[in-house]
Amino acid sequence: MNPRFSWLRARHLRLGGHGENIACKLLRSKHYRILARNYKCKAGEIDIVARDGAVLVFVEVKTRYYTTAARPAEGLTLKQKKRIVRASRRYLRQIEKPAVVCRFDLVELRMGRFFPRELRHWQDHFSAAIVAGGKA
C-alpha cells in the first residue's frame, strides 16, 4: 500500500471519528439516548443509532473541513442511503423489534482547524420508502 494513501486514509478516519463524537454530544444535548455507534453488518454501516423518545433514529454523520467547497450533506448518495436502510432493517431484526417507529437523520459538520464552524442536524432527512423508490 502506498504510504501517502495510508496517511490520507488515517486522516480521513480521524476526521470522521471526531465528527461522530461531536454529533453524539449534540444528540445527547437534545436528550437522545445513544444506543450504538458504527453498527456494521454485511448490508452496510450506521454511524449512530439513538432513541428520541419512542422513535429509533439512525443517524448518518457527514464531516468535511471548512475549506472544502462542497457541503458535507452532498456526499450522502442514494447508494449510501440504500445501504443505511438495509443496515437499519438488519438492526431492527437483530433487536427483534421490526415494527418500531424509526427515522433517518443527518448530522452535517464543517470543521475548522480545531472546532466545528458549522453544525447542522436534520431530523427525518430521508425516508426508507423514498430510497426504495429510487429517489434521493
C-alpha atoms as a PDB file:
ATOM      1  CA  MET A   1       0.000   0.000   0.000  1.00  0.00           C
ATOM      2  CA  ASN A   2       1.220   3.468  -0.856  1.00  0.00           C
ATOM      3  CA  PRO A   3       2.358   5.198   2.398  1.00  0.00           C
ATOM      4  CA  ARG A   4       0.846   8.503   1.273  1.00  0.00           C
ATOM      5  CA  PHE A   5      -2.537   6.850   0.749  1.00  0.00           C
ATOM      6  CA  SER A   6      -2.282   5.215   4.169  1.00  0.00           C
ATOM      7  CA  TRP A   7      -1.651   8.579   5.843  1.00  0.00           C
ATOM      8  CA  LEU A   8      -4.554  10.238   3.989  1.00  0.00           C
ATOM      9  CA  ARG A   9      -6.879   7.381   4.889  1.00  0.00           C
ATOM     10  CA  ALA A  10      -5.925   7.642   8.548  1.00  0.00           C
ATOM     11  CA  ARG A  11      -6.559  11.414   8.456  1.00  0.00           C
ATOM     12  CA  HIS A  12      -9.973  10.859   6.876  1.00  0.00           C
ATOM     13  CA  LEU A  13     -10.914   8.298   9.544  1.00  0.00           C
ATOM     14  CA  ARG A  14      -9.784  10.620  12.357  1.00  0.00           C
ATOM     15  CA  LEU A  15     -11.901  13.433  10.933  1.00  0.00           C
ATOM     16  CA  GLY A  16     -14.928  11.133  10.673  1.00  0.00           C
ATOM     17  CA  GLY A  17     -14.468   9.840  14.208  1.00  0.00           C
ATOM     18  CA  HIS A  18     -14.110  13.366  15.553  1.00  0.00           C
ATOM     19  CA  GLY A  19     -17.308  14.364  13.733  1.00  0.00           C
ATOM     20  CA  GLU A  20     -19.174  11.394  15.201  1.00  0.00           C
ATOM     21  CA  ASN A  21     -18.019  12.355  18.719  1.00  0.00           C
ATOM     22  CA  ILE A  22     -19.354  15.893  18.214  1.00  0.00           C
ATOM     23  CA  ALA A  23     -22.596  14.528  16.742  1.00  0.00           C
ATOM     24  CA  CYS A  24     -23.116  12.312  19.802  1.00  0.00           C
ATOM     25  CA  LYS A  25     -22.643  15.313  22.100  1.00  0.00           C
ATOM     26  CA  LEU A  26     -25.180  17.268  20.064  1.00  0.00           C
ATOM     27  CA  LEU A  27     -27.707  14.433  20.171  1.00  0.00           C
ATOM     28  CA  ARG A  28     -27.238  13.937  23.915  1.00  0.00           C
ATOM     29  CA  SER A  29     -27.809  17.673  24.442  1.00  0.00           C
ATOM     30  CA  LYS A  30     -31.164  17.144  22.689  1.00  0.00           C
ATOM     31  CA  HIS A  31     -31.892  14.282  25.117  1.00  0.00           C
ATOM     32  CA  TYR A  32     -31.329  11.473  22.640  1.00  0.00           C
ATOM     33  CA  ARG A  33     -30.082   8.213  24.085  1.00  0.00           C
ATOM     34  CA  ILE A  34     -27.150   6.773  22.105  1.00  0.00           C
ATOM     35  CA  LEU A  35     -27.661   3.028  21.652  1.00  0.00           C
ATOM     36  CA  ALA A  36     -24.849   2.128  19.242  1.00  0.00           C
ATOM     37  CA  ARG A  37     -22.030   3.677  17.238  1.00  0.00           C
ATOM     38  CA  ASN A  38     -20.601   2.348  13.996  1.00  0.00           C
ATOM     39  CA  TYR A  39     -23.056  -0.528  13.747  1.00  0.00           C
ATOM     40  CA  LYS A  40     -21.729  -2.765  10.962  1.00  0.00           C
ATOM     41  CA  CYS A  41     -23.217  -5.705   9.147  1.00  0.00           C
ATOM     42  CA  LYS A  42     -22.958  -7.179   5.657  1.00  0.00           C
ATOM     43  CA  ALA A  43     -25.692  -4.820   4.451  1.00  0.00           C
ATOM     44  CA  GLY A  44     -23.840  -1.641   5.467  1.00  0.00           C
ATOM     45  CA  GLU A  45     -22.957   0.624   8.351  1.00  0.00           C
ATOM     46  CA  ILE A  46     -24.845   3.072  10.531  1.00  0.00           C
ATOM     47  CA  ASP A  47     -22.819   5.812  12.215  1.00  0.00           C
ATOM     48  CA  ILE A  48     -25.115   6.298  15.220  1.00  0.00           C
ATOM     49  CA  VAL A  49     -28.231   4.503  16.442  1.00  0.00           C
ATOM     50  CA  ALA A  50     -30.132   6.552  19.006  1.00  0.00           C
ATOM     51  CA  ARG A  51     -33.507   6.827  20.639  1.00  0.00           C
ATOM     52  CA  ASP A  52     -35.520  10.060  20.576  1.00  0.00           C
ATOM     53  CA  GLY A  53     -38.378   9.293  22.927  1.00  0.00           C
ATOM     54  CA  ALA A  54     -40.161   6.303  21.419  1.00  0.00           C
ATOM     55  CA  VAL A  55     -38.556   6.753  17.991  1.00  0.00           C
ATOM     56  CA  LEU A  56     -35.487   4.801  16.929  1.00  0.00           C
ATOM     57  CA  VAL A  57     -33.168   7.101  14.977  1.00  0.00           C
ATOM     58  CA  PHE A  58     -30.496   6.029  12.500  1.00  0.00           C
ATOM     59  CA  VAL A  59     -28.037   8.897  12.136  1.00  0.00           C
ATOM     60  CA  GLU A  60     -25.575   9.435   9.308  1.00  0.00           C
ATOM     61  CA  VAL A  61     -22.743  11.858  10.115  1.00  0.00           C
ATOM     62  CA  LYS A  62     -21.003  13.739   7.317  1.00  0.00           C
ATOM     63  CA  THR A  63     -17.899  15.725   8.235  1.00  0.00           C
ATOM     64  CA  ARG A  64     -15.717  17.860   5.992  1.00  0.00           C
ATOM     65  CA  TYR A  65     -13.123  20.541   6.525  1.00  0.00           C
ATOM     66  CA  TYR A  66     -14.488  24.056   6.242  1.00  0.00           C
ATOM     67  CA  THR A  67     -12.132  24.805   3.368  1.00  0.00           C
ATOM     68  CA  THR A  68     -13.879  22.214   1.173  1.00  0.00           C
ATOM     69  CA  ALA A  69     -16.324  23.884  -1.216  1.00  0.00           C
ATOM     70  CA  ALA A  70     -18.972  21.138  -1.214  1.00  0.00           C
ATOM     71  CA  ARG A  71     -21.394  20.758   1.665  1.00  0.00           C
ATOM     72  CA  PRO A  72     -20.869  17.549   3.620  1.00  0.00           C
ATOM     73  CA  ALA A  73     -24.508  16.537   3.036  1.00  0.00           C
ATOM     74  CA  GLU A  74     -23.827  16.429  -0.702  1.00  0.00           C
ATOM     75  CA  GLY A  75     -21.682  13.367  -0.014  1.00  0.00           C
ATOM     76  CA  LEU A  76     -24.708  11.319   1.067  1.00  0.00           C
ATOM     77  CA  THR A  77     -25.521   9.448  -2.123  1.00  0.00           C
ATOM     78  CA  LEU A  78     -28.553   7.372  -2.990  1.00  0.00           C
ATOM     79  CA  LYS A  79     -26.320   4.281  -2.840  1.00  0.00           C
ATOM     80  CA  GLN A  80     -25.276   5.158   0.730  1.00  0.00           C
ATOM     81  CA  LYS A  81     -28.873   5.803   1.741  1.00  0.00           C
ATOM     82  CA  LYS A  82     -29.840   2.360   0.434  1.00  0.00           C
ATOM     83  CA  ARG A  83     -27.033   0.762   2.459  1.00  0.00           C
ATOM     84  CA  ILE A  84     -28.152   2.614   5.584  1.00  0.00           C
ATOM     85  CA  VAL A  85     -31.752   1.471   5.079  1.00  0.00           C
ATOM     86  CA  ARG A  86     -30.644  -2.158   4.557  1.00  0.00           C
ATOM     87  CA  ALA A  87     -28.435  -1.994   7.662  1.00  0.00           C
ATOM     88  CA  SER A  88     -31.286  -0.458   9.669  1.00  0.00           C
ATOM     89  CA  ARG A  89     -33.561  -3.352   8.709  1.00  0.00           C
ATOM     90  CA  ARG A  90     -30.895  -5.795   9.837  1.00  0.00           C
ATOM     91  CA  TYR A  91     -30.546  -3.883  13.130  1.00  0.00           C
ATOM     92  CA  LEU A  92     -34.319  -3.997  13.702  1.00  0.00           C
ATOM     93  CA  ARG A  93     -34.359  -7.766  13.107  1.00  0.00           C
ATOM     94  CA  GLN A  94     -31.379  -8.196  15.416  1.00  0.00           C
ATOM     95  CA  ILE A  95     -33.115  -6.380  18.300  1.00  0.00           C
ATOM     96  CA  GLU A  96     -36.347  -8.232  17.443  1.00  0.00           C
ATOM     97  CA  LYS A  97     -38.340  -5.013  17.027  1.00  0.00           C
ATOM     98  CA  PRO A  98     -39.220  -4.933  13.318  1.00  0.00           C
ATOM     99  CA  ALA A  99     -42.313  -2.746  13.829  1.00  0.00           C
ATOM    100  CA  VAL A 100     -40.744   0.048  15.896  1.00  0.00           C
ATOM    101  CA  VAL A 101     -41.162   3.605  14.601  1.00  0.00           C
ATOM    102  CA  CYS A 102     -37.884   4.827  13.148  1.00  0.00           C
ATOM    103  CA  ARG A 103     -36.438   7.660  11.120  1.00  0.00           C
ATOM    104  CA  PHE A 104     -33.226   8.633   9.338  1.00  0.00           C
ATOM    105  CA  ASP A 105     -31.407  11.777  10.458  1.00  0.00           C
ATOM    106  CA  LEU A 106     -28.326  13.531   9.137  1.00  0.00           C
ATOM    107  CA  VAL A 107     -25.743  15.478  11.114  1.00  0.00           C
ATOM    108  CA  GLU A 108     -23.507  17.687   8.986  1.00  0.00           C
ATOM    109  CA  LEU A 109     -20.282  19.209  10.303  1.00  0.00           C
ATOM    110  CA  ARG A 110     -17.899  21.622   8.651  1.00  0.00           C
ATOM    111  CA  MET A 111     -14.730  21.628  10.711  1.00  0.00           C
ATOM    112  CA  GLY A 112     -12.337  24.492  11.224  1.00  0.00           C
ATOM    113  CA  ARG A 113      -8.831  23.775  12.382  1.00  0.00           C
ATOM    114  CA  PHE A 114      -9.753  22.907  15.973  1.00  0.00           C
ATOM    115  CA  PHE A 115     -13.528  23.120  16.298  1.00  0.00           C
ATOM    116  CA  PRO A 116     -16.698  22.843  14.217  1.00  0.00           C
ATOM    117  CA  ARG A 117     -17.526  26.028  12.306  1.00  0.00           C
ATOM    118  CA  GLU A 118     -20.937  24.718  11.247  1.00  0.00           C
ATOM    119  CA  LEU A 119     -23.067  22.014  12.791  1.00  0.00           C
ATOM    120  CA  ARG A 120     -26.493  21.069  11.437  1.00  0.00           C
ATOM    121  CA  HIS A 121     -28.927  18.355  12.402  1.00  0.00           C
ATOM    122  CA  TRP A 122     -31.694  17.364  10.013  1.00  0.00           C
ATOM    123  CA  GLN A 123     -34.377  15.189  11.542  1.00  0.00           C
ATOM    124  CA  ASP A 124     -36.074  12.804   9.141  1.00  0.00           C
ATOM    125  CA  HIS A 125     -33.597  13.718   6.387  1.00  0.00           C
ATOM    126  CA  PHE A 126     -34.741  10.849   4.176  1.00  0.00           C
ATOM    127  CA  SER A 127     -37.219   8.010   4.360  1.00  0.00           C
ATOM    128  CA  ALA A 128     -36.825   4.329   3.618  1.00  0.00           C
ATOM    129  CA  ALA A 129     -39.827   4.453   1.265  1.00  0.00           C
ATOM    130  CA  ILE A 130     -38.323   7.216  -0.905  1.00  0.00           C
ATOM    131  CA  VAL A 131     -34.949   5.450  -1.029  1.00  0.00           C
ATOM    132  CA  ALA A 132     -36.630   2.183  -2.038  1.00  0.00           C
ATOM    133  CA  GLY A 133     -38.404   4.061  -4.812  1.00  0.00           C
ATOM    134  CA  GLY A 134     -35.041   5.271  -6.150  1.00  0.00           C
ATOM    135  CA  LYS A 135     -35.440   8.963  -5.329  1.00  0.00           C
ATOM    136  CA  ALA A 136     -32.949  10.826  -3.138  1.00  0.00           C
END
